[in-house]
Amino acid sequence: MILSESIEDYLKAIYALQREAGKVLTTQLAERLEVKPASLTGYGTIC
């Protein structure tokens, strides 16, 4: 499976936040990726 660059960034951000805080909040993830939280809605369907 080949991942797009944006999906790869999304997964890396989740991994980093989970290692730092033990959990990942949508607001933190959106801030890390420099997007609005609503922009993350579609990403959940790729995992």
N, C-alpha and C. Protein backbone atom coordinates (compact mmCIF):
# COMPACT_ATOMS: atom_id res chain seq x y z
N MET A 1 0.85 -1.18 0.00
CA MET A 1 0.00 0.00 0.00
C MET A 1 0.89 1.24 0.00
N ILE A 2 0.66 2.12 -0.92
CA ILE A 2 1.40 3.37 -1.01
C ILE A 2 0.56 4.48 -0.38
N LEU A 3 1.17 5.23 0.53
CA LEU A 3 0.47 6.30 1.21
C LEU A 3 0.85 7.64 0.60
N SER A 4 -0.12 8.53 0.55
CA SER A 4 0.18 9.88 0.08
C SER A 4 1.00 10.60 1.14
N GLU A 5 1.64 11.67 0.76
CA GLU A 5 2.47 12.42 1.70
C GLU A 5 1.64 12.97 2.86
N SER A 6 0.41 13.42 2.57
CA SER A 6 -0.42 13.98 3.64
C SER A 6 -0.86 12.90 4.64
N ILE A 7 -1.15 11.70 4.16
CA ILE A 7 -1.52 10.60 5.05
C ILE A 7 -0.31 10.19 5.89
N GLU A 8 0.85 10.18 5.28
CA GLU A 8 2.07 9.85 6.00
C GLU A 8 2.32 10.87 7.11
N ASP A 9 2.14 12.15 6.81
CA ASP A 9 2.30 13.21 7.81
C ASP A 9 1.31 13.03 8.95
N TYR A 10 0.08 12.69 8.61
CA TYR A 10 -0.99 12.46 9.58
C TYR A 10 -0.60 11.33 10.53
N LEU A 11 -0.14 10.23 10.00
CA LEU A 11 0.23 9.08 10.82
C LEU A 11 1.45 9.38 11.68
N LYS A 12 2.42 10.09 11.14
CA LYS A 12 3.61 10.46 11.91
C LYS A 12 3.23 11.39 13.07
N ALA A 13 2.32 12.31 12.82
CA ALA A 13 1.89 13.24 13.87
C ALA A 13 1.16 12.49 14.98
N ILE A 14 0.31 11.54 14.62
CA ILE A 14 -0.39 10.74 15.62
C ILE A 14 0.63 9.98 16.47
N TYR A 15 1.59 9.37 15.82
CA TYR A 15 2.62 8.60 16.52
C TYR A 15 3.39 9.50 17.50
N ALA A 16 3.82 10.65 17.03
CA ALA A 16 4.60 11.56 17.87
C ALA A 16 3.78 12.06 19.06
N LEU A 17 2.55 12.45 18.83
CA LEU A 17 1.70 12.95 19.92
C LEU A 17 1.42 11.84 20.93
N GLN A 18 1.20 10.64 20.47
CA GLN A 18 0.93 9.52 21.38
C GLN A 18 2.15 9.24 22.24
N ARG A 19 3.32 9.31 21.66
CA ARG A 19 4.56 9.07 22.43
C ARG A 19 4.79 10.19 23.44
N GLU A 20 4.44 11.42 23.08
CA GLU A 20 4.66 12.57 23.97
C GLU A 20 3.65 12.62 25.11
N ALA A 21 2.38 12.37 24.80
CA ALA A 21 1.33 12.59 25.80
C ALA A 21 0.56 11.33 26.19
N GLY A 22 0.75 10.23 25.47
CA GLY A 22 0.03 9.01 25.79
C GLY A 22 -1.36 8.94 25.17
N LYS A 23 -1.81 10.04 24.65
CA LYS A 23 -3.10 10.07 23.95
C LYS A 23 -3.04 11.16 22.90
N VAL A 24 -3.97 11.11 21.98
CA VAL A 24 -3.98 12.09 20.89
C VAL A 24 -5.36 12.75 20.84
N LEU A 25 -5.38 14.04 21.03
CA LEU A 25 -6.62 14.81 20.90
C LEU A 25 -6.68 15.41 19.51
N THR A 26 -7.88 15.49 18.98
CA THR A 26 -8.07 16.05 17.64
C THR A 26 -7.51 17.46 17.55
N THR A 27 -7.73 18.23 18.60
CA THR A 27 -7.24 19.62 18.58
C THR A 27 -5.72 19.68 18.51
N GLN A 28 -5.05 18.78 19.24
CA GLN A 28 -3.58 18.73 19.20
C GLN A 28 -3.09 18.31 17.82
N LEU A 29 -3.75 17.31 17.27
CA LEU A 29 -3.36 16.80 15.96
C LEU A 29 -3.53 17.89 14.89
N ALA A 30 -4.66 18.58 14.94
CA ALA A 30 -4.90 19.66 13.98
C ALA A 30 -3.86 20.76 14.12
N GLU A 31 -3.52 21.09 15.35
CA GLU A 31 -2.50 22.12 15.57
C GLU A 31 -1.15 21.67 15.02
N ARG A 32 -0.79 20.42 15.27
CA ARG A 32 0.50 19.89 14.78
C ARG A 32 0.56 19.92 13.26
N LEU A 33 -0.57 19.61 12.61
CA LEU A 33 -0.61 19.56 11.14
C LEU A 33 -0.96 20.91 10.51
N GLU A 34 -1.22 21.89 11.36
CA GLU A 34 -1.58 23.24 10.91
C GLU A 34 -2.83 23.23 10.02
N VAL A 35 -3.86 22.53 10.49
CA VAL A 35 -5.16 22.49 9.82
C VAL A 35 -6.24 22.71 10.86
N LYS A 36 -7.46 22.91 10.40
CA LYS A 36 -8.60 23.03 11.31
C LYS A 36 -9.04 21.62 11.72
N PRO A 37 -9.53 21.44 12.96
CA PRO A 37 -9.94 20.11 13.41
C PRO A 37 -10.94 19.43 12.46
N ALA A 38 -11.83 20.19 11.86
CA ALA A 38 -12.81 19.59 10.94
C ALA A 38 -12.14 18.96 9.72
N SER A 39 -10.95 19.43 9.39
CA SER A 39 -10.23 18.89 8.24
C SER A 39 -9.77 17.46 8.47
N LEU A 40 -9.74 17.01 9.71
CA LEU A 40 -9.25 15.67 10.04
C LEU A 40 -10.33 14.60 9.91
N THR A 41 -11.56 15.00 9.74
CA THR A 41 -12.68 14.05 9.70
C THR A 41 -12.47 12.93 8.70
N GLY A 42 -12.08 13.22 7.50
CA GLY A 42 -11.91 12.21 6.45
C GLY A 42 -10.74 11.27 6.66
N TYR A 43 -9.75 11.70 7.44
CA TYR A 43 -8.58 10.87 7.64
C TYR A 43 -8.88 9.58 8.41
N GLY A 44 -9.86 9.62 9.26
CA GLY A 44 -10.19 8.45 10.07
C GLY A 44 -10.60 7.23 9.27
N THR A 45 -11.03 7.44 8.05
CA THR A 45 -11.50 6.33 7.23
C THR A 45 -10.36 5.58 6.54
N ILE A 46 -9.13 6.09 6.63
CA ILE A 46 -8.02 5.44 5.94
C ILE A 46 -7.33 4.40 6.81
N CYS A 47 -7.59 4.43 8.11
CA CYS A 47 -6.88 3.54 9.04
C CYS A 47 -7.65 2.25 9.30
